[in-house]
Amino acid sequence: MSGRQGGKLKPLKQKDKGDVDEDDLEFKKKQQEEKKKLEEARARAAQGGPLAGGGGIKKSGKK
């Protein structure tokens, strides 16, 4: 941000609490489902250990 900002900052417009439409409800529901799936995936990853088996650089058997 610039140090030469002049004037007063305008407050952000706030939405009315009672003004919730169907799109907002669908969006919130979708977010909750995504969050639930993410937490389940994290739990499974924590149980199973590393995802990639063997990992790292593979070396040839030659010397």
C-alpha atoms as a PDB file:
ATOM      1  CA  MET A   1       0.000   0.000   0.000  1.00  0.00           C
ATOM      2  CA  SER A   2       1.032   3.524  -0.654  1.00  0.00           C
ATOM      3  CA  GLY A   3       2.008   5.796   2.200  1.00  0.00           C
ATOM      4  CA  ARG A   4       0.341   8.729   0.436  1.00  0.00           C
ATOM      5  CA  GLN A   5      -3.264   7.676   0.831  1.00  0.00           C
ATOM      6  CA  GLY A   6      -5.424  10.742   1.250  1.00  0.00           C
ATOM      7  CA  GLY A   7      -8.856  11.115   2.683  1.00  0.00           C
ATOM      8  CA  LYS A   8     -10.946   8.849   4.824  1.00  0.00           C
ATOM      9  CA  LEU A   9     -11.293   5.143   4.100  1.00  0.00           C
ATOM     10  CA  LYS A  10     -14.859   4.143   3.344  1.00  0.00           C
ATOM     11  CA  PRO A  11     -16.248   1.301   5.443  1.00  0.00           C
ATOM     12  CA  LEU A  12     -17.107  -1.895   3.621  1.00  0.00           C
ATOM     13  CA  LYS A  13     -20.766  -2.336   2.823  1.00  0.00           C
ATOM     14  CA  GLN A  14     -22.381  -4.788   5.185  1.00  0.00           C
ATOM     15  CA  LYS A  15     -25.055  -7.218   4.067  1.00  0.00           C
ATOM     16  CA  ASP A  16     -28.262  -7.333   6.054  1.00  0.00           C
ATOM     17  CA  LYS A  17     -28.420 -10.463   8.197  1.00  0.00           C
ATOM     18  CA  GLY A  18     -32.001 -11.222   7.139  1.00  0.00           C
ATOM     19  CA  ASP A  19     -31.246 -10.826   3.426  1.00  0.00           C
ATOM     20  CA  VAL A  20     -30.168 -14.370   2.514  1.00  0.00           C
ATOM     21  CA  ASP A  21     -31.134 -15.779  -0.853  1.00  0.00           C
ATOM     22  CA  GLU A  22     -31.053 -19.309  -2.260  1.00  0.00           C
ATOM     23  CA  ASP A  23     -27.638 -18.826  -3.882  1.00  0.00           C
ATOM     24  CA  ASP A  24     -26.080 -17.972  -0.523  1.00  0.00           C
ATOM     25  CA  LEU A  25     -27.655 -21.018   1.099  1.00  0.00           C
ATOM     26  CA  GLU A  26     -26.402 -23.313  -1.679  1.00  0.00           C
ATOM     27  CA  PHE A  27     -22.923 -21.792  -1.478  1.00  0.00           C
ATOM     28  CA  LYS A  28     -22.727 -22.264   2.293  1.00  0.00           C
ATOM     29  CA  LYS A  29     -23.970 -25.850   2.005  1.00  0.00           C
ATOM     30  CA  LYS A  30     -21.370 -26.591  -0.683  1.00  0.00           C
ATOM     31  CA  GLN A  31     -18.611 -25.076   1.477  1.00  0.00           C
ATOM     32  CA  GLN A  32     -19.614 -27.249   4.430  1.00  0.00           C
ATOM     33  CA  GLU A  33     -19.548 -30.379   2.261  1.00  0.00           C
ATOM     34  CA  GLU A  34     -16.103 -29.471   0.869  1.00  0.00           C
ATOM     35  CA  LYS A  35     -14.796 -28.869   4.395  1.00  0.00           C
ATOM     36  CA  LYS A  36     -16.160 -32.231   5.556  1.00  0.00           C
ATOM     37  CA  LYS A  37     -14.524 -34.059   2.618  1.00  0.00           C
ATOM     38  CA  LEU A  38     -11.218 -32.304   3.261  1.00  0.00           C
ATOM     39  CA  GLU A  39     -11.219 -33.265   6.935  1.00  0.00           C
ATOM     40  CA  GLU A  40     -12.034 -36.896   6.066  1.00  0.00           C
ATOM     41  CA  ALA A  41      -9.171 -36.973   3.560  1.00  0.00           C
ATOM     42  CA  ARG A  42      -6.787 -35.533   6.151  1.00  0.00           C
ATOM     43  CA  ALA A  43      -7.837 -38.171   8.663  1.00  0.00           C
ATOM     44  CA  ARG A  44      -7.234 -40.953   6.124  1.00  0.00           C
ATOM     45  CA  ALA A  45      -3.837 -39.496   5.174  1.00  0.00           C
ATOM     46  CA  ALA A  46      -2.799 -39.307   8.827  1.00  0.00           C
ATOM     47  CA  GLN A  47      -3.635 -42.987   9.336  1.00  0.00           C
ATOM     48  CA  GLY A  48      -2.015 -44.292   6.181  1.00  0.00           C
ATOM     49  CA  GLY A  49       1.360 -42.582   6.505  1.00  0.00           C
ATOM     50  CA  PRO A  50       3.172 -41.271   3.432  1.00  0.00           C
ATOM     51  CA  LEU A  51       1.186 -41.200   0.212  1.00  0.00           C
ATOM     52  CA  ALA A  52       4.072 -41.982  -2.160  1.00  0.00           C
ATOM     53  CA  GLY A  53       5.757 -45.296  -1.461  1.00  0.00           C
ATOM     54  CA  GLY A  54       9.491 -45.612  -1.907  1.00  0.00           C
ATOM     55  CA  GLY A  55       9.921 -41.881  -2.563  1.00  0.00           C
ATOM     56  CA  GLY A  56      13.094 -40.028  -3.428  1.00  0.00           C
ATOM     57  CA  ILE A  57      15.584 -40.488  -6.211  1.00  0.00           C
ATOM     58  CA  LYS A  58      15.934 -44.007  -7.486  1.00  0.00           C
ATOM     59  CA  LYS A  59      19.485 -45.198  -7.980  1.00  0.00           C
ATOM     60  CA  SER A  60      20.599 -47.761 -10.462  1.00  0.00           C
ATOM     61  CA  GLY A  61      22.270 -50.916  -9.183  1.00  0.00           C
ATOM     62  CA  LYS A  62      25.535 -50.178 -11.047  1.00  0.00           C
ATOM     63  CA  LYS A  63      28.669 -48.894  -9.352  1.00  0.00           C
END
